[in-house]
Amino acid sequence: MTERRERKFPDKFGIMFLVCHNGKVLVEERIRPDSTNWGFYLIPAGGIETGEDPEETMLREAGEEHGIKPTQYYKLPTFENVSLGGGFYQITPFLITGYDGEVVNKEPEKCNLHWMTFEEAMAIMPLASSKLVLYQAREVLSR
């Protein structure tokens, strides 16, 4: 008989935000060698701070990392993910389709920014979490 194990629950909570503009999406290329995600292309993300809800975190992170204020966005289905660093996360992704401001790289020591088509992003991002958000976003945009 197989022993039944207790279900593990996420110990960290975060968001991902896919910025879409003129048919392209914003992708980060992680360039800091001491980063867990060094060498990977990813959808921008961030951790939820104490007292924040996922939407507040997305709004804060979009401003802190890329200098934009989202004005039109969609909450995508939440999922669970184990990060490359071993953290067990609950991720709430967002698709941003409208924003005030210009996209800038406010963390040039951490990443390079690239605008790509969905197909280019899908081909270059190896992590399932990023691919899932791309699929979810494409479904919303096709409606």
Protein backbone atom coordinates (compact mmCIF):
# COMPACT_ATOMS: atom_id res chain seq x y z
CA MET A 1 0.00 0.00 0.00
CA THR A 2 1.31 3.45 -0.91
CA GLU A 3 1.83 5.89 1.94
CA ARG A 4 -0.10 9.11 1.51
CA ARG A 5 1.89 12.28 2.05
CA GLU A 6 0.64 15.64 3.26
CA ARG A 7 0.11 18.23 0.55
CA LYS A 8 2.78 20.91 0.61
CA PHE A 9 1.67 24.51 0.34
CA PRO A 10 3.64 27.37 -1.21
CA ASP A 11 6.01 29.17 1.11
CA LYS A 12 6.41 32.20 -1.18
CA PHE A 13 3.99 34.30 -3.21
CA GLY A 14 4.76 36.28 -6.32
CA ILE A 15 3.51 37.81 -9.52
CA MET A 16 4.56 37.82 -13.15
CA PHE A 17 3.58 40.56 -15.57
CA LEU A 18 3.64 40.25 -19.32
CA VAL A 19 3.66 43.66 -21.02
CA CYS A 20 2.15 43.53 -24.53
CA HIS A 21 2.46 46.47 -26.94
CA ASN A 22 2.00 46.60 -30.72
CA GLY A 23 1.87 42.81 -31.00
CA LYS A 24 5.10 42.26 -29.05
CA VAL A 25 5.85 41.24 -25.48
CA LEU A 26 8.51 42.49 -23.08
CA VAL A 27 11.05 39.87 -22.03
CA GLU A 28 13.93 40.11 -19.56
CA GLU A 29 17.31 38.54 -20.29
CA ARG A 30 18.93 37.92 -16.90
CA ILE A 31 22.60 38.97 -17.03
CA ARG A 32 23.81 39.07 -13.41
CA PRO A 33 26.06 36.00 -12.91
CA ASP A 34 25.20 35.64 -9.20
CA SER A 35 21.48 35.46 -10.00
CA THR A 36 19.60 32.17 -9.82
CA ASN A 37 18.10 32.96 -13.21
CA TRP A 38 21.37 34.05 -14.86
CA GLY A 39 21.37 33.36 -18.59
CA PHE A 40 17.62 32.84 -18.84
CA TYR A 41 14.99 34.85 -20.70
CA LEU A 42 11.98 35.40 -18.47
CA ILE A 43 8.75 37.30 -18.07
CA PRO A 44 9.21 40.06 -15.47
CA ALA A 45 8.25 38.98 -11.96
CA GLY A 46 8.42 40.00 -8.33
CA GLY A 47 7.64 38.95 -4.80
CA ILE A 48 4.51 39.95 -2.92
CA GLU A 49 5.41 42.03 0.12
CA THR A 50 3.62 41.85 3.47
CA GLY A 51 0.26 43.59 3.28
CA GLU A 52 0.10 43.62 -0.53
CA ASP A 53 -2.30 41.74 -2.74
CA PRO A 54 -1.13 40.45 -6.16
CA GLU A 55 -2.58 43.43 -8.06
CA GLU A 56 -0.80 45.94 -5.80
CA THR A 57 2.43 44.02 -6.27
CA MET A 58 2.09 44.02 -10.05
CA LEU A 59 1.46 47.78 -10.08
CA ARG A 60 4.46 48.43 -7.80
CA GLU A 61 6.83 46.10 -9.68
CA ALA A 62 5.88 47.46 -13.12
CA GLY A 63 6.80 50.93 -11.90
CA GLU A 64 9.93 49.93 -9.99
CA GLU A 65 11.37 47.70 -12.71
CA HIS A 66 10.15 49.32 -15.93
CA GLY A 67 8.83 52.79 -15.13
CA ILE A 68 5.27 52.21 -16.28
CA LYS A 69 1.87 52.58 -14.64
CA PRO A 70 -0.48 49.87 -15.94
CA THR A 71 -3.86 51.24 -16.97
CA GLN A 72 -5.34 48.16 -18.67
CA TYR A 73 -4.51 44.66 -17.51
CA TYR A 74 -5.95 41.21 -16.97
CA LYS A 75 -5.40 38.87 -14.07
CA LEU A 76 -4.52 35.43 -15.46
CA PRO A 77 -5.05 32.09 -13.65
CA THR A 78 -2.86 31.60 -10.58
CA PHE A 79 -0.50 28.61 -10.55
CA GLU A 80 2.16 26.99 -8.37
CA ASN A 81 5.81 26.79 -9.37
CA VAL A 82 9.15 25.63 -8.00
CA SER A 83 11.83 28.18 -8.84
CA LEU A 84 15.36 27.41 -10.00
CA GLY A 85 16.48 28.43 -6.49
CA GLY A 86 14.18 25.83 -4.92
CA GLY A 87 11.44 28.13 -3.63
CA PHE A 88 7.86 26.87 -3.82
CA TYR A 89 5.81 29.79 -5.14
CA GLN A 90 2.20 30.61 -5.79
CA ILE A 91 2.30 32.89 -8.83
CA THR A 92 -0.42 35.27 -9.95
CA PRO A 93 0.33 36.41 -13.51
CA PHE A 94 -0.99 39.51 -15.24
CA LEU A 95 -1.21 40.61 -18.85
CA ILE A 96 -0.65 44.36 -19.24
CA THR A 97 -2.11 45.77 -22.47
CA GLY A 98 -2.17 49.49 -21.62
CA TYR A 99 0.08 51.70 -19.53
CA ASP A 100 1.20 55.26 -18.92
CA GLY A 101 4.87 56.11 -19.32
CA GLU A 102 7.70 54.71 -21.39
CA VAL A 103 9.18 51.28 -20.75
CA VAL A 104 12.70 51.74 -19.40
CA ASN A 105 15.16 49.35 -17.80
CA LYS A 106 15.45 50.55 -14.22
CA GLU A 107 17.62 47.55 -13.28
CA PRO A 108 20.32 47.42 -16.01
CA GLU A 109 22.69 45.53 -13.70
CA LYS A 110 20.14 42.70 -13.47
CA CYS A 111 18.75 42.33 -16.99
CA ASN A 112 18.47 43.45 -20.58
CA LEU A 113 15.01 44.10 -22.02
CA HIS A 114 13.81 42.79 -25.36
CA TRP A 115 10.55 43.26 -27.30
CA MET A 116 9.62 40.02 -29.08
CA THR A 117 6.73 38.44 -30.88
CA PHE A 118 4.89 35.71 -29.02
CA GLU A 119 6.60 33.13 -31.24
CA GLU A 120 10.10 34.51 -30.57
CA ALA A 121 9.43 34.64 -26.83
CA MET A 122 8.07 31.09 -26.80
CA ALA A 123 11.16 29.84 -28.63
CA ILE A 124 13.71 31.57 -26.40
CA MET A 125 12.18 31.05 -22.94
CA PRO A 126 12.85 27.53 -21.65
CA LEU A 127 11.00 27.73 -18.32
CA ALA A 128 7.49 26.29 -18.18
CA SER A 129 6.22 29.13 -15.99
CA SER A 130 7.02 31.72 -18.68
CA LYS A 131 5.56 29.54 -21.44
CA LEU A 132 2.37 29.06 -19.41
CA VAL A 133 1.89 32.81 -19.01
CA LEU A 134 2.49 33.32 -22.74
CA TYR A 135 -0.20 30.71 -23.53
CA GLN A 136 -2.62 32.27 -21.05
CA ALA A 137 -2.01 35.77 -22.44
CA ARG A 138 -2.45 34.68 -26.02
CA GLU A 139 -5.79 33.10 -25.10
CA VAL A 140 -7.01 36.35 -23.53
CA LEU A 141 -5.88 38.40 -26.53
CA SER A 142 -7.58 36.06 -29.01
CA ARG A 143 -11.03 36.66 -27.48
